[in-house]
């Protein structure tokens, strides 16, 4: 059997980024959202953060 796409739930915008762009976003099993920003020349205040 070939793999196939499975759709479930709906997309929801929880945050918009302006300025430095994150290279990774992760959501934990409990719904906590974490992001990471590289220091590749952008002026970033932190490299890992949680969106609350």
C-alpha atoms as a PDB file:
ATOM      1  CA  UNK A   1       0.000   0.000   0.000  1.00  0.00           C
ATOM      2  CA  UNK A   2       1.359   3.431  -0.957  1.00  0.00           C
ATOM      3  CA  UNK A   3       1.581   6.259   1.609  1.00  0.00           C
ATOM      4  CA  UNK A   4      -1.141   8.872   1.387  1.00  0.00           C
ATOM      5  CA  UNK A   5      -1.833  12.248   2.959  1.00  0.00           C
ATOM      6  CA  UNK A   6      -4.145  12.409   5.927  1.00  0.00           C
ATOM      7  CA  UNK A   7      -5.821  15.677   6.847  1.00  0.00           C
ATOM      8  CA  UNK A   8      -7.089  16.416  10.340  1.00  0.00           C
ATOM      9  CA  UNK A   9      -7.891  19.560  12.308  1.00  0.00           C
ATOM     10  CA  UNK A  10      -7.629  23.146  11.108  1.00  0.00           C
ATOM     11  CA  UNK A  11      -4.668  25.517  10.892  1.00  0.00           C
ATOM     12  CA  UNK A  12      -4.633  28.387  13.370  1.00  0.00           C
ATOM     13  CA  UNK A  13      -2.318  31.415  13.253  1.00  0.00           C
ATOM     14  CA  UNK A  14      -0.830  31.875  16.731  1.00  0.00           C
ATOM     15  CA  UNK A  15       2.005  34.324  16.000  1.00  0.00           C
ATOM     16  CA  UNK A  16       3.444  36.420  13.153  1.00  0.00           C
ATOM     17  CA  UNK A  17       7.190  37.055  12.938  1.00  0.00           C
ATOM     18  CA  UNK A  18       8.704  40.384  11.852  1.00  0.00           C
ATOM     19  CA  UNK A  19      12.438  41.008  11.611  1.00  0.00           C
ATOM     20  CA  UNK A  20      14.635  38.005  12.385  1.00  0.00           C
ATOM     21  CA  UNK A  21      13.020  34.797  11.173  1.00  0.00           C
ATOM     22  CA  UNK A  22      13.062  31.579  13.208  1.00  0.00           C
ATOM     23  CA  UNK A  23      14.729  28.453  11.857  1.00  0.00           C
ATOM     24  CA  UNK A  24      12.666  26.060  13.940  1.00  0.00           C
ATOM     25  CA  UNK A  25       9.257  25.819  15.564  1.00  0.00           C
ATOM     26  CA  UNK A  26       8.144  22.960  17.779  1.00  0.00           C
ATOM     27  CA  UNK A  27       4.968  22.189  19.714  1.00  0.00           C
ATOM     28  CA  UNK A  28       5.137  19.952  22.779  1.00  0.00           C
ATOM     29  CA  UNK A  29       2.587  17.279  23.675  1.00  0.00           C
ATOM     30  CA  UNK A  30       1.064  19.723  26.152  1.00  0.00           C
ATOM     31  CA  UNK A  31       0.732  22.506  23.540  1.00  0.00           C
ATOM     32  CA  UNK A  32       3.728  24.656  24.505  1.00  0.00           C
ATOM     33  CA  UNK A  33       5.250  26.378  21.438  1.00  0.00           C
ATOM     34  CA  UNK A  34       9.037  26.826  21.198  1.00  0.00           C
ATOM     35  CA  UNK A  35      11.008  28.724  18.540  1.00  0.00           C
ATOM     36  CA  UNK A  36      14.709  29.133  17.804  1.00  0.00           C
ATOM     37  CA  UNK A  37      16.601  31.967  16.127  1.00  0.00           C
ATOM     38  CA  UNK A  38      20.155  31.596  14.794  1.00  0.00           C
ATOM     39  CA  UNK A  39      22.734  34.341  15.277  1.00  0.00           C
ATOM     40  CA  UNK A  40      23.569  34.592  11.575  1.00  0.00           C
ATOM     41  CA  UNK A  41      24.004  38.373  11.524  1.00  0.00           C
ATOM     42  CA  UNK A  42      20.495  39.285  12.695  1.00  0.00           C
ATOM     43  CA  UNK A  43      20.185  41.212  15.952  1.00  0.00           C
ATOM     44  CA  UNK A  44      18.418  38.575  18.075  1.00  0.00           C
ATOM     45  CA  UNK A  45      17.786  38.970  21.818  1.00  0.00           C
ATOM     46  CA  UNK A  46      17.593  35.213  22.435  1.00  0.00           C
ATOM     47  CA  UNK A  47      18.185  31.985  20.531  1.00  0.00           C
ATOM     48  CA  UNK A  48      15.393  29.837  22.029  1.00  0.00           C
ATOM     49  CA  UNK A  49      12.044  31.116  23.291  1.00  0.00           C
ATOM     50  CA  UNK A  50       8.553  29.993  24.189  1.00  0.00           C
ATOM     51  CA  UNK A  51       5.488  31.681  22.716  1.00  0.00           C
ATOM     52  CA  UNK A  52       2.952  32.188  25.514  1.00  0.00           C
END
